[in-house]
Amino acid sequence: KEDGRTNYCIYSEELREVRSKEQTIIVEFLECIKNNSLELYLQPSFRMDTRELKEVEAFGHWYNNHGEERRPKDIVPVLKKHGYILEWDMAVYKEVLKLMRYWKEKGAELPMMEVNFSTADFQYSGIVKELVELAQQYEISPELLVIAMSEHGWRKAPKKVNYVLKELQKNGFKIAIGNFGSNYEAVEMLVDETIDVIKIG
C-alpha cells in the first residue's frame, strides 16, 4: 500500500504479526480508557546533598485480560503511529492529577510531578486550555506540574510547538526536555527561554 514513504513492500508473516500486535494494543488501550484501568509507575528523583525528594516522573501502563503488562515502550510507539497518542498522554495526565488530589486530601506535601507528552500533542489547538482546566478541576497548582518532551521531538517540532510551550509557561507549568544529547547543536537548548529543565541521560 502507498503510505507516503514507499510505493510497495513485500507482505510477510512478520508484517502480519506486527499489524496484529498493534491492533491488539489499540483495542486494549480503548478498553483501558473505558474501564479506567490505567495505572501509574512513579519514578522519584532526589537531591544528592540533602536526600530530599525533588520530583516524581509518572509513566502509564496497564494489564490486559491475560495478566500481561503493557509498558510504555510497547504502548507509546503504537499509539503514536495510529494517532492515539494525545488520548494516551492526556489519560496519564489525568491520573497524575487524581493521585495528587488524593495526596492533597490526605494532607501530604505535594511533590513536583512530571508528565511526558509527545510533540504531536502540542499541535492540538486546545491543549493549553485543556491542561489548565484539568488542573483547576482537581485543584492542583500548575506550578507543581512539569510538562516533558524529548530533545528529538523538540528539535523536530514546528514553530507552533514553541508557542504552545510558552503559553503553558505563562500559566505556571514547567517545561522539561529529556534525553539531552552531547552534540554541539544541543547546546542552543541551554539558553532557550521556553525550557526550564534539561535532563541529561
N, C-alpha and C. Protein backbone atom coordinates (compact mmCIF):
# COMPACT_ATOMS: atom_id res chain seq x y z
N LYS A 1 0.84 -1.20 0.00
CA LYS A 1 0.00 0.00 0.00
C LYS A 1 0.88 1.25 0.00
N GLU A 2 0.36 2.30 -0.64
CA GLU A 2 1.05 3.59 -0.60
C GLU A 2 0.91 4.16 0.80
N ASP A 3 2.02 4.55 1.43
CA ASP A 3 1.93 5.13 2.77
C ASP A 3 2.64 6.47 2.85
N GLY A 4 2.95 7.06 1.71
CA GLY A 4 3.62 8.35 1.69
C GLY A 4 5.12 8.26 1.72
N ARG A 5 5.64 7.09 2.03
CA ARG A 5 7.09 6.90 2.09
C ARG A 5 7.57 5.86 1.08
N THR A 6 6.77 4.81 0.90
CA THR A 6 7.13 3.77 -0.06
C THR A 6 5.92 3.45 -0.93
N ASN A 7 6.17 3.01 -2.14
CA ASN A 7 5.09 2.67 -3.06
C ASN A 7 4.66 1.21 -2.95
N TYR A 8 5.56 0.38 -2.45
CA TYR A 8 5.21 -1.03 -2.31
C TYR A 8 6.12 -1.67 -1.28
N CYS A 9 5.71 -2.82 -0.79
CA CYS A 9 6.56 -3.60 0.10
C CYS A 9 6.16 -5.06 -0.03
N ILE A 10 7.03 -5.93 0.42
CA ILE A 10 6.77 -7.36 0.39
C ILE A 10 5.99 -7.73 1.65
N TYR A 11 4.79 -8.25 1.48
CA TYR A 11 3.99 -8.64 2.64
C TYR A 11 4.51 -9.97 3.17
N SER A 12 4.84 -9.99 4.44
CA SER A 12 5.42 -11.19 5.02
C SER A 12 4.68 -11.56 6.30
N GLU A 13 5.00 -12.72 6.82
CA GLU A 13 4.41 -13.17 8.07
C GLU A 13 4.77 -12.22 9.21
N GLU A 14 5.97 -11.67 9.15
CA GLU A 14 6.41 -10.73 10.17
C GLU A 14 5.53 -9.48 10.18
N LEU A 15 5.21 -8.97 9.00
CA LEU A 15 4.33 -7.80 8.90
C LEU A 15 2.95 -8.10 9.46
N ARG A 16 2.44 -9.29 9.19
CA ARG A 16 1.13 -9.68 9.70
C ARG A 16 1.14 -9.72 11.22
N GLU A 17 2.21 -10.26 11.78
CA GLU A 17 2.31 -10.35 13.24
C GLU A 17 2.41 -8.97 13.88
N VAL A 18 3.19 -8.07 13.25
CA VAL A 18 3.31 -6.71 13.77
C VAL A 18 1.97 -6.01 13.74
N ARG A 19 1.27 -6.13 12.62
CA ARG A 19 -0.04 -5.48 12.49
C ARG A 19 -1.03 -6.04 13.50
N SER A 20 -1.01 -7.34 13.69
CA SER A 20 -1.92 -7.97 14.65
C SER A 20 -1.63 -7.50 16.07
N LYS A 21 -0.34 -7.38 16.42
CA LYS A 21 0.04 -6.92 17.76
C LYS A 21 -0.38 -5.48 17.98
N GLU A 22 -0.20 -4.65 16.95
CA GLU A 22 -0.58 -3.25 17.06
C GLU A 22 -2.09 -3.10 17.24
N GLN A 23 -2.86 -3.87 16.48
CA GLN A 23 -4.31 -3.81 16.62
C GLN A 23 -4.75 -4.26 18.00
N THR A 24 -4.08 -5.27 18.54
CA THR A 24 -4.40 -5.75 19.89
C THR A 24 -4.15 -4.67 20.93
N ILE A 25 -3.01 -3.97 20.81
CA ILE A 25 -2.67 -2.91 21.75
C ILE A 25 -3.69 -1.78 21.68
N ILE A 26 -4.13 -1.42 20.48
CA ILE A 26 -5.11 -0.35 20.33
C ILE A 26 -6.43 -0.74 20.98
N VAL A 27 -6.87 -1.97 20.75
CA VAL A 27 -8.12 -2.43 21.37
C VAL A 27 -8.00 -2.43 22.88
N GLU A 28 -6.87 -2.91 23.38
CA GLU A 28 -6.65 -2.91 24.83
C GLU A 28 -6.62 -1.49 25.39
N PHE A 29 -6.01 -0.59 24.64
CA PHE A 29 -5.93 0.81 25.09
C PHE A 29 -7.33 1.40 25.22
N LEU A 30 -8.17 1.19 24.23
CA LEU A 30 -9.53 1.73 24.27
C LEU A 30 -10.31 1.13 25.44
N GLU A 31 -10.09 -0.15 25.71
CA GLU A 31 -10.74 -0.80 26.85
C GLU A 31 -10.19 -0.24 28.16
N CYS A 32 -8.89 0.00 28.20
CA CYS A 32 -8.24 0.55 29.39
C CYS A 32 -8.85 1.90 29.75
N ILE A 33 -9.03 2.76 28.75
CA ILE A 33 -9.60 4.08 28.98
C ILE A 33 -11.07 3.96 29.40
N LYS A 34 -11.81 3.09 28.72
CA LYS A 34 -13.22 2.90 29.03
C LYS A 34 -13.43 2.38 30.45
N ASN A 35 -12.56 1.43 30.85
CA ASN A 35 -12.70 0.80 32.17
C ASN A 35 -11.92 1.50 33.27
N ASN A 36 -11.23 2.57 32.90
CA ASN A 36 -10.42 3.33 33.87
C ASN A 36 -9.42 2.42 34.59
N SER A 37 -8.73 1.58 33.81
CA SER A 37 -7.79 0.62 34.39
C SER A 37 -6.33 1.00 34.17
N LEU A 38 -6.08 2.24 33.76
CA LEU A 38 -4.71 2.72 33.59
C LEU A 38 -4.06 2.85 34.97
N GLU A 39 -2.81 2.42 35.07
CA GLU A 39 -2.06 2.53 36.31
C GLU A 39 -0.80 3.37 36.08
N LEU A 40 -0.24 3.87 37.16
CA LEU A 40 0.94 4.71 37.07
C LEU A 40 2.18 4.04 37.65
N TYR A 41 3.32 4.21 36.95
CA TYR A 41 4.63 4.00 37.55
C TYR A 41 5.09 5.36 38.04
N LEU A 42 5.67 5.41 39.22
CA LEU A 42 6.21 6.66 39.74
C LEU A 42 7.71 6.51 39.95
N GLN A 43 8.47 7.36 39.28
CA GLN A 43 9.94 7.30 39.36
C GLN A 43 10.45 8.57 40.03
N PRO A 44 10.84 8.48 41.31
CA PRO A 44 11.27 9.67 42.04
C PRO A 44 12.72 10.04 41.74
N SER A 45 13.02 11.33 41.91
CA SER A 45 14.42 11.78 41.88
C SER A 45 14.67 12.58 43.15
N PHE A 46 15.91 12.55 43.64
CA PHE A 46 16.25 13.15 44.93
C PHE A 46 17.44 14.11 44.80
N ARG A 47 17.48 15.09 45.68
CA ARG A 47 18.66 15.95 45.77
C ARG A 47 19.79 15.14 46.41
N MET A 48 20.96 15.17 45.81
CA MET A 48 22.09 14.40 46.32
C MET A 48 22.61 14.95 47.64
N ASP A 49 22.53 16.28 47.82
CA ASP A 49 23.10 16.87 49.03
C ASP A 49 22.22 16.67 50.26
N THR A 50 20.91 16.76 50.09
CA THR A 50 20.01 16.66 51.24
C THR A 50 19.21 15.36 51.28
N ARG A 51 19.25 14.60 50.17
CA ARG A 51 18.48 13.36 50.04
C ARG A 51 16.97 13.62 50.09
N GLU A 52 16.56 14.84 49.83
CA GLU A 52 15.14 15.19 49.82
C GLU A 52 14.53 14.87 48.46
N LEU A 53 13.25 14.50 48.47
CA LEU A 53 12.54 14.23 47.23
C LEU A 53 12.45 15.51 46.40
N LYS A 54 12.89 15.44 45.17
CA LYS A 54 12.91 16.62 44.30
C LYS A 54 11.73 16.62 43.35
N GLU A 55 11.48 15.46 42.73
CA GLU A 55 10.47 15.40 41.67
C GLU A 55 10.07 13.96 41.44
N VAL A 56 8.88 13.75 40.91
CA VAL A 56 8.42 12.40 40.58
C VAL A 56 7.97 12.38 39.12
N GLU A 57 8.53 11.46 38.35
CA GLU A 57 8.13 11.31 36.95
C GLU A 57 7.12 10.17 36.84
N ALA A 58 6.03 10.41 36.12
CA ALA A 58 4.94 9.44 36.02
C ALA A 58 4.91 8.79 34.64
N PHE A 59 4.70 7.48 34.62
CA PHE A 59 4.54 6.72 33.39
C PHE A 59 3.27 5.88 33.51
N GLY A 60 2.56 5.73 32.41
CA GLY A 60 1.34 4.92 32.43
C GLY A 60 1.58 3.51 31.93
N HIS A 61 0.78 2.57 32.41
CA HIS A 61 0.81 1.20 31.91
C HIS A 61 -0.51 0.53 32.26
N TRP A 62 -0.73 -0.67 31.74
CA TRP A 62 -1.92 -1.43 32.11
C TRP A 62 -1.64 -2.91 32.01
N TYR A 63 -2.54 -3.70 32.58
CA TYR A 63 -2.50 -5.16 32.44
C TYR A 63 -3.71 -5.58 31.62
N ASN A 64 -3.48 -6.44 30.61
CA ASN A 64 -4.61 -6.89 29.80
C ASN A 64 -5.35 -8.04 30.49
N ASN A 65 -6.37 -8.58 29.81
CA ASN A 65 -7.20 -9.64 30.40
C ASN A 65 -6.44 -10.93 30.66
N HIS A 66 -5.27 -11.09 30.04
CA HIS A 66 -4.45 -12.28 30.25
C HIS A 66 -3.40 -12.04 31.33
N GLY A 67 -3.44 -10.88 31.97
CA GLY A 67 -2.47 -10.58 33.02
C GLY A 67 -1.14 -10.10 32.50
N GLU A 68 -1.04 -9.84 31.19
CA GLU A 68 0.20 -9.35 30.60
C GLU A 68 0.31 -7.84 30.79
N GLU A 69 1.48 -7.38 31.17
CA GLU A 69 1.68 -5.95 31.38
C GLU A 69 2.03 -5.27 30.06
N ARG A 70 1.40 -4.15 29.81
CA ARG A 70 1.74 -3.31 28.66
C ARG A 70 2.49 -2.09 29.18
N ARG A 71 3.78 -2.05 28.88
CA ARG A 71 4.63 -0.98 29.38
C ARG A 71 4.74 0.15 28.34
N PRO A 72 5.22 1.33 28.78
CA PRO A 72 5.32 2.46 27.84
C PRO A 72 6.07 2.15 26.55
N LYS A 73 7.15 1.37 26.66
CA LYS A 73 7.94 1.07 25.45
C LYS A 73 7.14 0.26 24.43
N ASP A 74 6.11 -0.48 24.90
CA ASP A 74 5.25 -1.23 23.99
C ASP A 74 4.08 -0.38 23.50
N ILE A 75 3.62 0.52 24.37
CA ILE A 75 2.40 1.27 24.12
C ILE A 75 2.64 2.49 23.23
N VAL A 76 3.58 3.34 23.63
CA VAL A 76 3.73 4.66 23.03
C VAL A 76 4.00 4.62 21.52
N PRO A 77 4.95 3.79 21.01
CA PRO A 77 5.19 3.79 19.57
C PRO A 77 3.95 3.43 18.75
N VAL A 78 3.17 2.49 19.25
CA VAL A 78 1.97 2.06 18.52
C VAL A 78 0.92 3.17 18.51
N LEU A 79 0.70 3.80 19.66
CA LEU A 79 -0.31 4.86 19.73
C LEU A 79 0.11 6.08 18.94
N LYS A 80 1.41 6.36 18.88
CA LYS A 80 1.89 7.45 18.03
C LYS A 80 1.61 7.14 16.56
N LYS A 81 1.92 5.94 16.17
CA LYS A 81 1.77 5.53 14.78
C LYS A 81 0.32 5.61 14.32
N HIS A 82 -0.62 5.27 15.20
CA HIS A 82 -2.02 5.18 14.81
C HIS A 82 -2.88 6.36 15.28
N GLY A 83 -2.23 7.41 15.77
CA GLY A 83 -2.96 8.64 16.07
C GLY A 83 -3.70 8.70 17.38
N TYR A 84 -3.29 7.88 18.36
CA TYR A 84 -3.96 7.88 19.66
C TYR A 84 -3.08 8.46 20.77
N ILE A 85 -1.96 9.06 20.41
CA ILE A 85 -1.00 9.46 21.44
C ILE A 85 -1.54 10.59 22.33
N LEU A 86 -2.32 11.51 21.77
CA LEU A 86 -2.88 12.59 22.58
C LEU A 86 -3.81 12.03 23.65
N GLU A 87 -4.67 11.08 23.25
CA GLU A 87 -5.59 10.46 24.21
C GLU A 87 -4.82 9.76 25.33
N TRP A 88 -3.71 9.11 24.97
CA TRP A 88 -2.89 8.41 25.96
C TRP A 88 -2.23 9.39 26.94
N ASP A 89 -1.56 10.40 26.39
CA ASP A 89 -0.86 11.35 27.25
C ASP A 89 -1.83 12.10 28.16
N MET A 90 -3.00 12.44 27.65
CA MET A 90 -3.99 13.13 28.49
C MET A 90 -4.53 12.20 29.56
N ALA A 91 -4.67 10.92 29.25
CA ALA A 91 -5.14 9.95 30.25
C ALA A 91 -4.14 9.82 31.39
N VAL A 92 -2.84 9.78 31.06
CA VAL A 92 -1.80 9.71 32.09
C VAL A 92 -1.82 10.98 32.93
N TYR A 93 -1.96 12.13 32.27
CA TYR A 93 -2.01 13.42 32.96
C TYR A 93 -3.16 13.46 33.96
N LYS A 94 -4.33 12.97 33.55
CA LYS A 94 -5.50 12.95 34.44
C LYS A 94 -5.24 12.06 35.65
N GLU A 95 -4.61 10.91 35.43
CA GLU A 95 -4.31 10.01 36.55
C GLU A 95 -3.34 10.66 37.54
N VAL A 96 -2.40 11.42 37.02
CA VAL A 96 -1.46 12.14 37.88
C VAL A 96 -2.22 13.17 38.73
N LEU A 97 -3.13 13.90 38.11
CA LEU A 97 -3.91 14.89 38.86
C LEU A 97 -4.79 14.23 39.92
N LYS A 98 -5.39 13.09 39.57
CA LYS A 98 -6.20 12.36 40.55
C LYS A 98 -5.37 11.94 41.76
N LEU A 99 -4.16 11.44 41.49
CA LEU A 99 -3.27 11.00 42.56
C LEU A 99 -2.85 12.17 43.44
N MET A 100 -2.52 13.28 42.81
CA MET A 100 -2.11 14.47 43.57
C MET A 100 -3.27 14.99 44.42
N ARG A 101 -4.46 14.96 43.87
CA ARG A 101 -5.63 15.39 44.65
C ARG A 101 -5.84 14.48 45.86
N TYR A 102 -5.64 13.17 45.66
CA TYR A 102 -5.75 12.20 46.76
C TYR A 102 -4.73 12.52 47.85
N TRP A 103 -3.47 12.74 47.44
CA TRP A 103 -2.43 13.09 48.41
C TRP A 103 -2.78 14.38 49.14
N LYS A 104 -3.29 15.35 48.39
CA LYS A 104 -3.64 16.64 48.97
C LYS A 104 -4.73 16.48 50.04
N GLU A 105 -5.73 15.66 49.74
CA GLU A 105 -6.82 15.44 50.70
C GLU A 105 -6.33 14.72 51.95
N LYS A 106 -5.25 13.94 51.80
CA LYS A 106 -4.67 13.24 52.94
C LYS A 106 -3.72 14.13 53.74
N GLY A 107 -3.52 15.35 53.26
CA GLY A 107 -2.66 16.28 53.98
C GLY A 107 -1.19 16.14 53.67
N ALA A 108 -0.85 15.38 52.63
CA ALA A 108 0.56 15.17 52.28
C ALA A 108 1.11 16.38 51.52
N GLU A 109 2.42 16.59 51.66
CA GLU A 109 3.08 17.64 50.88
C GLU A 109 3.24 17.16 49.45
N LEU A 110 2.80 17.94 48.50
CA LEU A 110 2.82 17.52 47.10
C LEU A 110 4.18 17.75 46.46
N PRO A 111 4.73 16.73 45.80
CA PRO A 111 5.99 16.92 45.07
C PRO A 111 5.72 17.48 43.68
N MET A 112 6.77 17.92 43.02
CA MET A 112 6.67 18.25 41.60
C MET A 112 6.42 16.96 40.85
N MET A 113 5.46 16.97 39.93
CA MET A 113 5.14 15.77 39.15
C MET A 113 5.40 16.04 37.67
N GLU A 114 6.14 15.14 37.05
CA GLU A 114 6.49 15.28 35.63
C GLU A 114 5.68 14.31 34.79
N VAL A 115 5.09 14.82 33.71
CA VAL A 115 4.29 14.01 32.79
C VAL A 115 4.85 14.18 31.39
N ASN A 116 5.06 13.08 30.69
CA ASN A 116 5.62 13.13 29.34
C ASN A 116 4.53 13.36 28.29
N PHE A 117 4.86 14.21 27.32
CA PHE A 117 3.96 14.48 26.21
C PHE A 117 4.72 14.34 24.90
N SER A 118 3.98 14.01 23.85
CA SER A 118 4.56 13.91 22.51
C SER A 118 4.49 15.27 21.81
N THR A 119 5.41 15.50 20.88
CA THR A 119 5.37 16.73 20.10
C THR A 119 4.02 16.90 19.40
N ALA A 120 3.46 15.80 18.94
CA ALA A 120 2.19 15.86 18.23
C ALA A 120 1.08 16.43 19.10
N ASP A 121 1.15 16.22 20.41
CA ASP A 121 0.12 16.74 21.31
C ASP A 121 0.03 18.25 21.24
N PHE A 122 1.17 18.92 21.09
CA PHE A 122 1.21 20.38 21.15
C PHE A 122 0.75 21.03 19.85
N GLN A 123 0.39 20.22 18.86
CA GLN A 123 -0.19 20.75 17.64
C GLN A 123 -1.72 20.78 17.71
N TYR A 124 -2.25 20.25 18.80
CA TYR A 124 -3.69 20.32 19.07
C TYR A 124 -3.98 21.70 19.65
N SER A 125 -4.83 22.47 19.00
CA SER A 125 -5.03 23.88 19.34
C SER A 125 -5.60 24.09 20.74
N GLY A 126 -6.31 23.11 21.28
CA GLY A 126 -6.93 23.30 22.58
C GLY A 126 -6.17 22.73 23.75
N ILE A 127 -4.92 22.33 23.55
CA ILE A 127 -4.24 21.59 24.61
C ILE A 127 -3.92 22.46 25.83
N VAL A 128 -3.57 23.71 25.63
CA VAL A 128 -3.25 24.58 26.78
C VAL A 128 -4.50 24.74 27.65
N LYS A 129 -5.60 25.06 27.02
CA LYS A 129 -6.87 25.24 27.74
C LYS A 129 -7.25 23.97 28.50
N GLU A 130 -7.08 22.81 27.86
CA GLU A 130 -7.46 21.55 28.49
C GLU A 130 -6.56 21.22 29.67
N LEU A 131 -5.26 21.42 29.53
CA LEU A 131 -4.34 21.15 30.63
C LEU A 131 -4.61 22.07 31.83
N VAL A 132 -4.86 23.33 31.55
CA VAL A 132 -5.14 24.30 32.62
C VAL A 132 -6.46 23.96 33.32
N GLU A 133 -7.51 23.68 32.54
CA GLU A 133 -8.81 23.41 33.13
C GLU A 133 -8.82 22.13 33.96
N LEU A 134 -8.08 21.11 33.52
CA LEU A 134 -8.00 19.88 34.30
C LEU A 134 -7.29 20.12 35.63
N ALA A 135 -6.21 20.90 35.60
CA ALA A 135 -5.50 21.22 36.84
C ALA A 135 -6.43 21.98 37.80
N GLN A 136 -7.22 22.89 37.26
CA GLN A 136 -8.17 23.63 38.08
C GLN A 136 -9.25 22.71 38.64
N GLN A 137 -9.71 21.78 37.80
CA GLN A 137 -10.76 20.84 38.22
C GLN A 137 -10.32 20.01 39.43
N TYR A 138 -9.05 19.59 39.43
CA TYR A 138 -8.53 18.77 40.53
C TYR A 138 -7.86 19.62 41.62
N GLU A 139 -7.90 20.94 41.43
CA GLU A 139 -7.35 21.89 42.40
C GLU A 139 -5.87 21.65 42.66
N ILE A 140 -5.14 21.46 41.56
CA ILE A 140 -3.69 21.28 41.62
C ILE A 140 -3.02 22.46 40.92
N SER A 141 -2.08 23.10 41.60
CA SER A 141 -1.40 24.25 41.02
C SER A 141 -0.50 23.82 39.87
N PRO A 142 -0.57 24.51 38.71
CA PRO A 142 0.33 24.21 37.60
C PRO A 142 1.79 24.33 37.96
N GLU A 143 2.11 25.11 39.00
CA GLU A 143 3.49 25.26 39.44
C GLU A 143 4.10 23.95 39.92
N LEU A 144 3.24 22.97 40.20
CA LEU A 144 3.70 21.65 40.65
C LEU A 144 3.79 20.64 39.51
N LEU A 145 3.51 21.08 38.29
CA LEU A 145 3.44 20.18 37.15
C LEU A 145 4.52 20.50 36.13
N VAL A 146 5.25 19.46 35.73
CA VAL A 146 6.31 19.59 34.73
C VAL A 146 5.86 18.86 33.46
N ILE A 147 5.80 19.59 32.36
CA ILE A 147 5.44 19.01 31.07
C ILE A 147 6.73 18.67 30.34
N ALA A 148 6.94 17.39 30.07
CA ALA A 148 8.22 16.95 29.50
C ALA A 148 8.05 16.40 28.09
N MET A 149 9.08 16.61 27.28
CA MET A 149 9.14 16.02 25.95
C MET A 149 10.60 15.71 25.64
N SER A 150 10.84 14.92 24.60
CA SER A 150 12.20 14.53 24.28
C SER A 150 12.93 15.62 23.51
N GLU A 151 14.25 15.60 23.61
CA GLU A 151 15.05 16.56 22.84
C GLU A 151 14.78 16.40 21.35
N HIS A 152 14.73 15.15 20.88
CA HIS A 152 14.50 14.89 19.46
C HIS A 152 13.16 15.49 19.02
N GLY A 153 12.13 15.28 19.84
CA GLY A 153 10.81 15.81 19.50
C GLY A 153 10.82 17.33 19.46
N TRP A 154 11.48 17.94 20.44
CA TRP A 154 11.54 19.40 20.50
C TRP A 154 12.28 19.96 19.29
N ARG A 155 13.37 19.31 18.92
CA ARG A 155 14.19 19.81 17.81
C ARG A 155 13.47 19.71 16.47
N LYS A 156 12.68 18.65 16.31
CA LYS A 156 11.98 18.43 15.04
C LYS A 156 10.61 19.12 14.99
N ALA A 157 10.21 19.72 16.09
CA ALA A 157 8.86 20.28 16.18
C ALA A 157 8.71 21.56 15.37
N PRO A 158 7.53 21.81 14.81
CA PRO A 158 7.28 23.08 14.13
C PRO A 158 7.24 24.23 15.13
N LYS A 159 7.33 25.46 14.62
CA LYS A 159 7.39 26.64 15.48
C LYS A 159 6.16 26.75 16.38
N LYS A 160 5.04 26.22 15.92
CA LYS A 160 3.81 26.31 16.71
C LYS A 160 3.99 25.67 18.09
N VAL A 161 4.81 24.63 18.15
CA VAL A 161 5.02 23.93 19.42
C VAL A 161 5.68 24.86 20.44
N ASN A 162 6.66 25.64 20.02
CA ASN A 162 7.31 26.58 20.93
C ASN A 162 6.31 27.60 21.47
N TYR A 163 5.40 28.03 20.62
CA TYR A 163 4.36 28.98 21.06
C TYR A 163 3.50 28.34 22.15
N VAL A 164 3.11 27.08 21.95
CA VAL A 164 2.29 26.38 22.94
C VAL A 164 3.04 26.21 24.25
N LEU A 165 4.33 25.87 24.18
CA LEU A 165 5.14 25.71 25.39
C LEU A 165 5.22 27.02 26.17
N LYS A 166 5.36 28.13 25.46
CA LYS A 166 5.40 29.44 26.12
C LYS A 166 4.07 29.74 26.81
N GLU A 167 2.96 29.36 26.16
CA GLU A 167 1.65 29.58 26.76
C GLU A 167 1.49 28.75 28.03
N LEU A 168 2.02 27.53 28.01
CA LEU A 168 1.98 26.69 29.21
C LEU A 168 2.80 27.33 30.34
N GLN A 169 3.97 27.87 29.99
CA GLN A 169 4.80 28.55 30.99
C GLN A 169 4.06 29.74 31.60
N LYS A 170 3.36 30.50 30.76
CA LYS A 170 2.60 31.66 31.25
C LYS A 170 1.56 31.25 32.28
N ASN A 171 1.07 30.00 32.14
CA ASN A 171 0.06 29.50 33.06
C ASN A 171 0.66 28.79 34.26
N GLY A 172 1.99 28.82 34.37
CA GLY A 172 2.64 28.29 35.57
C GLY A 172 3.32 26.94 35.42
N PHE A 173 3.10 26.23 34.32
CA PHE A 173 3.72 24.93 34.12
C PHE A 173 5.23 25.08 33.87
N LYS A 174 6.00 24.06 34.28
CA LYS A 174 7.41 23.99 33.95
C LYS A 174 7.57 23.11 32.70
N ILE A 175 8.57 23.43 31.87
CA ILE A 175 8.82 22.67 30.65
C ILE A 175 10.17 21.97 30.78
N ALA A 176 10.18 20.67 30.55
CA ALA A 176 11.42 19.88 30.65
C ALA A 176 11.72 19.18 29.33
N ILE A 177 13.00 19.08 29.02
CA ILE A 177 13.46 18.36 27.84
C ILE A 177 14.32 17.20 28.30
N GLY A 178 13.94 15.99 27.91
CA GLY A 178 14.66 14.79 28.31
C GLY A 178 15.61 14.29 27.25
N ASN A 179 16.47 13.35 27.63
CA ASN A 179 17.43 12.72 26.72
C ASN A 179 18.32 13.75 26.03
N PHE A 180 18.78 14.72 26.81
CA PHE A 180 19.62 15.77 26.25
C PHE A 180 20.90 15.18 25.69
N GLY A 181 21.23 15.54 24.44
CA GLY A 181 22.38 14.95 23.74
C GLY A 181 23.69 15.62 24.06
N SER A 182 24.74 15.09 23.46
CA SER A 182 26.09 15.60 23.72
C SER A 182 26.65 16.37 22.53
N ASN A 183 25.86 16.50 21.44
CA ASN A 183 26.40 17.22 20.27
C ASN A 183 26.28 18.73 20.47
N TYR A 184 27.02 19.47 19.66
CA TYR A 184 27.07 20.93 19.82
C TYR A 184 25.72 21.59 19.50
N GLU A 185 24.95 20.99 18.61
CA GLU A 185 23.66 21.58 18.26
C GLU A 185 22.74 21.65 19.47
N ALA A 186 22.90 20.70 20.39
CA ALA A 186 22.02 20.65 21.55
C ALA A 186 22.28 21.80 22.53
N VAL A 187 23.46 22.43 22.43
CA VAL A 187 23.83 23.48 23.37
C VAL A 187 22.85 24.65 23.29
N GLU A 188 22.28 24.89 22.12
CA GLU A 188 21.35 26.02 21.95
C GLU A 188 20.15 25.90 22.89
N MET A 189 19.82 24.69 23.28
CA MET A 189 18.68 24.48 24.16
C MET A 189 18.93 25.04 25.55
N LEU A 190 20.20 25.16 25.94
CA LEU A 190 20.53 25.64 27.27
C LEU A 190 20.12 27.09 27.49
N VAL A 191 19.98 27.84 26.41
CA VAL A 191 19.61 29.25 26.53
C VAL A 191 18.20 29.52 26.00
N ASP A 192 17.48 28.48 25.63
CA ASP A 192 16.13 28.68 25.11
C ASP A 192 15.18 29.03 26.25
N GLU A 193 14.46 30.12 26.10
CA GLU A 193 13.61 30.62 27.18
C GLU A 193 12.37 29.77 27.42
N THR A 194 12.06 28.86 26.51
CA THR A 194 10.87 28.03 26.71
C THR A 194 11.17 26.78 27.51
N ILE A 195 12.43 26.58 27.91
CA ILE A 195 12.82 25.37 28.61
C ILE A 195 13.26 25.71 30.04
N ASP A 196 12.66 25.03 31.01
CA ASP A 196 13.01 25.25 32.42
C ASP A 196 13.98 24.20 32.94
N VAL A 197 13.87 22.96 32.40
CA VAL A 197 14.67 21.85 32.92
C VAL A 197 15.28 21.06 31.76
N ILE A 198 16.58 20.80 31.83
CA ILE A 198 17.28 19.95 30.87
C ILE A 198 17.66 18.66 31.60
N LYS A 199 17.26 17.53 31.05
CA LYS A 199 17.58 16.24 31.67
C LYS A 199 18.62 15.53 30.82
N ILE A 200 19.79 15.29 31.40
CA ILE A 200 20.87 14.65 30.68
C ILE A 200 20.84 13.15 30.93
N GLY A 201 20.97 12.37 29.85
CA GLY A 201 20.99 10.94 30.03
C GLY A 201 20.31 10.22 28.92
